[in-house]
Amino acid sequence: MGDQLKVKRRTVLDGSAKAMCFDYAVWDTRNRLVYVGIAYNFRQRWAQHVRSSWWLGEVEVDRVEVTGWPTRTAARFAEACAINEQAAIYNTAREPSSYRRAREEEWPRPTERVIYVPDRESVDLVQSR
């Protein structure tokens, strides 16, 4: 993955906590939210998408926004909110259980946000499949 996406911007949001889990949002060049997911290891998960996610061949990725959270529960809630409220194109199932149980003020602040962009000088994401 390192030769397919590169960091555009990294922002530390809460230096007192370490990110244990990440939610990520994939945006296409038409500024549409394509897919939302969570992972303990974003780079590893992205490599899995490149190998096996059929939807990745259907879009031209503009950016992937990755947000670090101190707990998986917090990342899961952020993922559920994005899926339910922003209607990501390739997340077809809604997330009622995580979404209904939680209220935003109960969750910790995110620890960091990283925006990745395709590295056009190396292998194209779609061609690498």
Protein backbone atom coordinates (compact mmCIF):
# COMPACT_ATOMS: atom_id res chain seq x y z
CA MET A 1 0.00 0.00 0.00
CA GLY A 2 2.83 2.37 0.72
CA ASP A 3 3.47 2.87 -3.00
CA GLN A 4 -0.22 3.37 -3.80
CA LEU A 5 -1.37 6.00 -1.30
CA LYS A 6 0.68 8.80 0.18
CA VAL A 7 0.03 11.06 3.15
CA LYS A 8 -1.27 14.47 2.16
CA ARG A 9 -1.88 15.83 5.65
CA ARG A 10 -1.62 14.50 9.22
CA THR A 11 -3.28 16.35 12.10
CA VAL A 12 -2.92 15.46 15.78
CA LEU A 13 -6.27 16.12 17.44
CA ASP A 14 -5.63 14.84 20.96
CA GLY A 15 -2.00 14.25 21.86
CA SER A 16 -2.91 12.76 25.25
CA ALA A 17 -4.39 9.57 23.78
CA LYS A 18 -3.02 6.93 21.42
CA ALA A 19 -5.04 5.71 18.45
CA MET A 20 -5.97 2.05 18.92
CA CYS A 21 -8.44 1.75 16.04
CA PHE A 22 -9.23 3.77 12.93
CA ASP A 23 -12.27 4.62 10.87
CA TYR A 24 -11.71 5.51 7.24
CA ALA A 25 -13.78 7.16 4.55
CA VAL A 26 -13.03 6.69 0.85
CA TRP A 27 -13.99 9.63 -1.41
CA ASP A 28 -14.04 9.61 -5.20
CA THR A 29 -13.01 12.35 -7.63
CA ARG A 30 -16.66 13.49 -7.84
CA ASN A 31 -16.50 14.16 -4.07
CA ARG A 32 -18.88 11.28 -3.27
CA LEU A 33 -18.45 9.16 -0.16
CA VAL A 34 -17.78 5.72 -1.57
CA TYR A 35 -17.07 3.50 1.43
CA VAL A 36 -16.61 3.70 5.20
CA GLY A 37 -14.88 1.10 7.35
CA ILE A 38 -12.84 0.51 10.50
CA ALA A 39 -9.58 -1.29 11.14
CA TYR A 40 -6.94 -1.76 13.79
CA ASN A 41 -4.34 -1.47 11.04
CA PHE A 42 -5.47 0.80 8.20
CA ARG A 43 -2.56 0.03 5.86
CA GLN A 44 -3.18 -3.70 6.13
CA ARG A 45 -6.93 -3.26 5.63
CA TRP A 46 -6.39 -1.03 2.61
CA ALA A 47 -4.13 -3.68 1.04
CA GLN A 48 -7.03 -6.14 1.48
CA HIS A 49 -9.38 -3.73 -0.29
CA VAL A 50 -6.93 -3.35 -3.17
CA ARG A 51 -6.75 -7.15 -3.54
CA SER A 52 -10.40 -8.06 -3.13
CA SER A 53 -12.95 -5.21 -3.01
CA TRP A 54 -14.85 -5.18 -6.30
CA TRP A 55 -16.14 -1.64 -5.71
CA LEU A 56 -12.62 -0.20 -5.81
CA GLY A 57 -12.53 -0.94 -9.54
CA GLU A 58 -15.74 1.05 -10.02
CA VAL A 59 -14.45 4.43 -8.77
CA GLU A 60 -11.51 6.77 -9.10
CA VAL A 61 -10.29 7.41 -5.55
CA ASP A 62 -9.60 11.05 -4.71
CA ARG A 63 -8.69 10.61 -1.04
CA VAL A 64 -9.04 8.38 1.99
CA GLU A 65 -9.66 10.18 5.30
CA VAL A 66 -8.47 8.13 8.27
CA THR A 67 -9.34 9.07 11.85
CA GLY A 68 -7.69 7.47 14.86
CA TRP A 69 -9.71 6.65 17.99
CA PRO A 70 -8.59 5.50 21.45
CA THR A 71 -11.06 2.56 21.41
CA ARG A 72 -12.65 0.26 18.83
CA THR A 73 -16.06 1.14 20.26
CA ALA A 74 -15.51 4.81 19.42
CA ALA A 75 -14.29 3.96 15.91
CA ARG A 76 -17.30 1.68 15.43
CA PHE A 77 -19.68 4.46 16.42
CA ALA A 78 -17.99 6.92 14.05
CA GLU A 79 -18.30 4.33 11.26
CA ALA A 80 -22.00 3.75 12.03
CA CYS A 81 -22.71 7.49 12.03
CA ALA A 82 -21.02 7.95 8.66
CA ILE A 83 -22.82 4.97 7.12
CA ASN A 84 -26.23 6.05 8.42
CA GLU A 85 -25.96 9.79 7.94
CA GLN A 86 -23.79 10.16 4.85
CA ALA A 87 -25.02 7.15 2.81
CA ALA A 88 -21.73 5.83 1.50
CA ILE A 89 -22.35 4.33 -1.93
CA TYR A 90 -20.91 0.86 -1.30
CA ASN A 91 -21.94 0.41 2.33
CA THR A 92 -25.29 -1.17 1.59
CA ALA A 93 -26.21 -2.30 5.11
CA ARG A 94 -27.16 0.30 7.71
CA GLU A 95 -25.69 0.07 11.22
CA PRO A 96 -28.61 0.27 13.65
CA SER A 97 -27.14 -1.36 16.76
CA SER A 98 -24.07 0.83 17.24
CA TYR A 99 -25.87 3.91 16.05
CA ARG A 100 -28.93 3.67 18.29
CA ARG A 101 -27.12 2.87 21.52
CA ALA A 102 -24.78 5.81 21.53
CA ARG A 103 -24.87 9.52 22.03
CA GLU A 104 -22.03 11.61 20.69
CA GLU A 105 -21.05 13.16 23.99
CA GLU A 106 -20.29 9.72 25.44
CA TRP A 107 -17.39 9.12 23.06
CA PRO A 108 -13.78 10.20 23.40
CA ARG A 109 -12.29 12.70 21.01
CA PRO A 110 -10.46 11.35 17.98
CA THR A 111 -6.70 11.26 18.41
CA GLU A 112 -5.54 12.04 14.88
CA ARG A 113 -6.69 12.47 11.31
CA VAL A 114 -4.68 11.51 8.23
CA ILE A 115 -5.66 12.21 4.65
CA TYR A 116 -4.17 9.88 2.05
CA VAL A 117 -4.24 10.57 -1.69
CA PRO A 118 -3.41 8.26 -4.58
CA ASP A 119 0.23 8.36 -5.53
CA ARG A 120 -0.26 8.98 -9.25
CA GLU A 121 3.47 8.59 -9.87
CA SER A 122 3.39 4.94 -8.86
CA VAL A 123 0.92 2.14 -9.47
CA ASP A 124 -2.66 3.27 -10.01
CA LEU A 125 -5.07 1.83 -7.40
CA VAL A 126 -7.41 0.32 -9.95
CA GLN A 127 -4.64 -1.07 -12.17
CA SER A 128 -2.96 -2.76 -9.22
CA ARG A 129 -5.91 -5.10 -8.68
